[in-house]
Amino acid sequence: MYRTNYEATKLAIRRALNNEPSVEELIANRHTIKHDMDDWS
């Protein structure tokens, strides 16, 4: 769990510093993005 969170945090920081993804990309893909936790019921 620690390793997963560490990698996700690094990726989030890298993307934030590069202004990625753009607002336009987020809006365009809002219906196709799936979260792994969505399958947990």
PDB file of N, CA and C in Angstrom:
ATOM      1  N   MET A   1       0.835  -1.185   0.000  1.00  0.00           N
ATOM      2  CA  MET A   1       0.000   0.000   0.000  1.00  0.00           C
ATOM      3  C   MET A   1       0.883   1.253   0.000  1.00  0.00           C
ATOM      4  N   TYR A   2       1.929   1.246   0.807  1.00  0.00           N
ATOM      5  CA  TYR A   2       2.825   2.400   0.876  1.00  0.00           C
ATOM      6  C   TYR A   2       3.412   2.699  -0.496  1.00  0.00           C
ATOM      7  N   ARG A   3       3.886   1.654  -1.177  1.00  0.00           N
ATOM      8  CA  ARG A   3       4.534   1.826  -2.486  1.00  0.00           C
ATOM      9  C   ARG A   3       3.548   2.401  -3.505  1.00  0.00           C
ATOM     10  N   THR A   4       2.310   1.902  -3.488  1.00  0.00           N
ATOM     11  CA  THR A   4       1.282   2.391  -4.406  1.00  0.00           C
ATOM     12  C   THR A   4       1.007   3.868  -4.159  1.00  0.00           C
ATOM     13  N   ASN A   5       0.844   4.250  -2.908  1.00  0.00           N
ATOM     14  CA  ASN A   5       0.579   5.649  -2.571  1.00  0.00           C
ATOM     15  C   ASN A   5       1.763   6.541  -2.928  1.00  0.00           C
ATOM     16  N   TYR A   6       2.966   6.055  -2.703  1.00  0.00           N
ATOM     17  CA  TYR A   6       4.184   6.805  -3.017  1.00  0.00           C
ATOM     18  C   TYR A   6       4.255   7.089  -4.516  1.00  0.00           C
ATOM     19  N   GLU A   7       4.042   6.058  -5.324  1.00  0.00           N
ATOM     20  CA  GLU A   7       4.094   6.220  -6.778  1.00  0.00           C
ATOM     21  C   GLU A   7       2.979   7.139  -7.261  1.00  0.00           C
ATOM     22  N   ALA A   8       1.796   7.003  -6.715  1.00  0.00           N
ATOM     23  CA  ALA A   8       0.665   7.847  -7.115  1.00  0.00           C
ATOM     24  C   ALA A   8       0.926   9.306  -6.754  1.00  0.00           C
ATOM     25  N   THR A   9       1.539   9.537  -5.604  1.00  0.00           N
ATOM     26  CA  THR A   9       1.863  10.904  -5.185  1.00  0.00           C
ATOM     27  C   THR A   9       2.904  11.523  -6.100  1.00  0.00           C
ATOM     28  N   LYS A  10       3.929  10.763  -6.448  1.00  0.00           N
ATOM     29  CA  LYS A  10       4.954  11.271  -7.372  1.00  0.00           C
ATOM     30  C   LYS A  10       4.330  11.636  -8.718  1.00  0.00           C
ATOM     31  N   LEU A  11       3.461  10.771  -9.220  1.00  0.00           N
ATOM     32  CA  LEU A  11       2.812  11.023 -10.501  1.00  0.00           C
ATOM     33  C   LEU A  11       1.925  12.271 -10.420  1.00  0.00           C
ATOM     34  N   ALA A  12       1.178  12.409  -9.355  1.00  0.00           N
ATOM     35  CA  ALA A  12       0.290  13.566  -9.193  1.00  0.00           C
ATOM     36  C   ALA A  12       1.080  14.865  -9.132  1.00  0.00           C
ATOM     37  N   ILE A  13       2.196  14.856  -8.414  1.00  0.00           N
ATOM     38  CA  ILE A  13       3.032  16.064  -8.321  1.00  0.00           C
ATOM     39  C   ILE A  13       3.636  16.398  -9.676  1.00  0.00           C
ATOM     40  N   ARG A  14       4.153  15.398 -10.368  1.00  0.00           N
ATOM     41  CA  ARG A  14       4.743  15.614 -11.689  1.00  0.00           C
ATOM     42  C   ARG A  14       3.708  16.212 -12.645  1.00  0.00           C
ATOM     43  N   ARG A  15       2.501  15.654 -12.643  1.00  0.00           N
ATOM     44  CA  ARG A  15       1.453  16.159 -13.529  1.00  0.00           C
ATOM     45  C   ARG A  15       1.034  17.575 -13.147  1.00  0.00           C
ATOM     46  N   ALA A  16       0.942  17.848 -11.863  1.00  0.00           N
ATOM     47  CA  ALA A  16       0.550  19.189 -11.413  1.00  0.00           C
ATOM     48  C   ALA A  16       1.574  20.234 -11.852  1.00  0.00           C
ATOM     49  N   LEU A  17       2.841  19.898 -11.745  1.00  0.00           N
ATOM     50  CA  LEU A  17       3.895  20.837 -12.142  1.00  0.00           C
ATOM     51  C   LEU A  17       3.898  21.082 -13.649  1.00  0.00           C
ATOM     52  N   ASN A  18       3.387  20.129 -14.417  1.00  0.00           N
ATOM     53  CA  ASN A  18       3.323  20.259 -15.875  1.00  0.00           C
ATOM     54  C   ASN A  18       1.930  20.662 -16.362  1.00  0.00           C
ATOM     55  N   ASN A  19       1.049  21.029 -15.418  1.00  0.00           N
ATOM     56  CA  ASN A  19      -0.341  21.398 -15.744  1.00  0.00           C
ATOM     57  C   ASN A  19      -1.031  20.319 -16.579  1.00  0.00           C
ATOM     58  N   GLU A  20      -0.867  19.079 -16.168  1.00  0.00           N
ATOM     59  CA  GLU A  20      -1.476  17.946 -16.858  1.00  0.00           C
ATOM     60  C   GLU A  20      -2.425  17.212 -15.926  1.00  0.00           C
ATOM     61  N   PRO A  21      -3.494  16.678 -16.383  1.00  0.00           N
ATOM     62  CA  PRO A  21      -4.079  16.913 -17.690  1.00  0.00           C
ATOM     63  C   PRO A  21      -4.762  18.278 -17.693  1.00  0.00           C
ATOM     64  N   SER A  22      -5.008  18.792 -18.882  1.00  0.00           N
ATOM     65  CA  SER A  22      -5.661  20.095 -18.999  1.00  0.00           C
ATOM     66  C   SER A  22      -7.134  19.966 -18.620  1.00  0.00           C
ATOM     67  N   VAL A  23      -7.736  21.087 -18.327  1.00  0.00           N
ATOM     68  CA  VAL A  23      -9.162  21.093 -18.000  1.00  0.00           C
ATOM     69  C   VAL A  23      -9.960  20.547 -19.177  1.00  0.00           C
ATOM     70  N   GLU A  24      -9.541  20.917 -20.382  1.00  0.00           N
ATOM     71  CA  GLU A  24     -10.240  20.436 -21.576  1.00  0.00           C
ATOM     72  C   GLU A  24     -10.178  18.913 -21.671  1.00  0.00           C
ATOM     73  N   GLU A  25      -9.004  18.332 -21.375  1.00  0.00           N
ATOM     74  CA  GLU A  25      -8.870  16.864 -21.406  1.00  0.00           C
ATOM     75  C   GLU A  25      -9.767  16.217 -20.356  1.00  0.00           C
ATOM     76  N   LEU A  26      -9.802  16.791 -19.171  1.00  0.00           N
ATOM     77  CA  LEU A  26     -10.633  16.236 -18.106  1.00  0.00           C
ATOM     78  C   LEU A  26     -12.111  16.250 -18.483  1.00  0.00           C
ATOM     79  N   ILE A  27     -12.544  17.365 -19.035  1.00  0.00           N
ATOM     80  CA  ILE A  27     -13.947  17.471 -19.436  1.00  0.00           C
ATOM     81  C   ILE A  27     -14.261  16.489 -20.558  1.00  0.00           C
ATOM     82  N   ALA A  28     -13.375  16.385 -21.530  1.00  0.00           N
ATOM     83  CA  ALA A  28     -13.602  15.484 -22.666  1.00  0.00           C
ATOM     84  C   ALA A  28     -13.663  14.020 -22.234  1.00  0.00           C
ATOM     85  N   ASN A  29     -12.919  13.660 -21.193  1.00  0.00           N
ATOM     86  CA  ASN A  29     -12.841  12.250 -20.760  1.00  0.00           C
ATOM     87  C   ASN A  29     -13.647  11.945 -19.507  1.00  0.00           C
ATOM     88  N   ARG A  30     -14.480  12.850 -19.074  1.00  0.00           N
ATOM     89  CA  ARG A  30     -15.164  12.682 -17.784  1.00  0.00           C
ATOM     90  C   ARG A  30     -16.038  11.436 -17.701  1.00  0.00           C
ATOM     91  N   HIS A  31     -16.511  10.939 -18.821  1.00  0.00           N
ATOM     92  CA  HIS A  31     -17.388   9.764 -18.787  1.00  0.00           C
ATOM     93  C   HIS A  31     -16.627   8.457 -19.023  1.00  0.00           C
ATOM     94  N   THR A  32     -15.354   8.543 -19.359  1.00  0.00           N
ATOM     95  CA  THR A  32     -14.589   7.326 -19.651  1.00  0.00           C
ATOM     96  C   THR A  32     -13.608   6.954 -18.548  1.00  0.00           C
ATOM     97  N   ILE A  33     -13.369   7.868 -17.623  1.00  0.00           N
ATOM     98  CA  ILE A  33     -12.408   7.609 -16.546  1.00  0.00           C
ATOM     99  C   ILE A  33     -13.038   6.673 -15.530  1.00  0.00           C
ATOM    100  N   LYS A  34     -12.290   5.632 -15.160  1.00  0.00           N
ATOM    101  CA  LYS A  34     -12.779   4.634 -14.210  1.00  0.00           C
ATOM    102  C   LYS A  34     -11.786   4.539 -13.055  1.00  0.00           C
ATOM    103  N   HIS A  35     -12.298   4.460 -11.873  1.00  0.00           N
ATOM    104  CA  HIS A  35     -11.469   4.325 -10.679  1.00  0.00           C
ATOM    105  C   HIS A  35     -11.503   2.879 -10.219  1.00  0.00           C
ATOM    106  N   ASP A  36     -10.357   2.345  -9.807  1.00  0.00           N
ATOM    107  CA  ASP A  36     -10.288   0.940  -9.365  1.00  0.00           C
ATOM    108  C   ASP A  36     -11.246   0.638  -8.215  1.00  0.00           C
ATOM    109  N   MET A  37     -11.520   1.615  -7.390  1.00  0.00           N
ATOM    110  CA  MET A  37     -12.367   1.384  -6.229  1.00  0.00           C
ATOM    111  C   MET A  37     -13.848   1.313  -6.614  1.00  0.00           C
ATOM    112  N   ASP A  38     -14.186   1.658  -7.856  1.00  0.00           N
ATOM    113  CA  ASP A  38     -15.586   1.614  -8.284  1.00  0.00           C
ATOM    114  C   ASP A  38     -16.149   0.198  -8.252  1.00  0.00           C
ATOM    115  N   ASP A  39     -15.297  -0.799  -8.388  1.00  0.00           N
ATOM    116  CA  ASP A  39     -15.761  -2.182  -8.405  1.00  0.00           C
ATOM    117  C   ASP A  39     -15.951  -2.782  -7.021  1.00  0.00           C
ATOM    118  N   TRP A  40     -15.549  -2.066  -5.995  1.00  0.00           N
ATOM    119  CA  TRP A  40     -15.673  -2.584  -4.628  1.00  0.00           C
ATOM    120  C   TRP A  40     -17.056  -2.291  -4.105  1.00  0.00           C
ATOM    121  N   SER A  41     -17.798  -3.327  -3.846  1.00  0.00           N
ATOM    122  CA  SER A  41     -19.142  -3.142  -3.290  1.00  0.00           C
ATOM    123  C   SER A  41     -19.360  -4.033  -2.102  1.00  0.00           C
TER     124      SER A  41
END
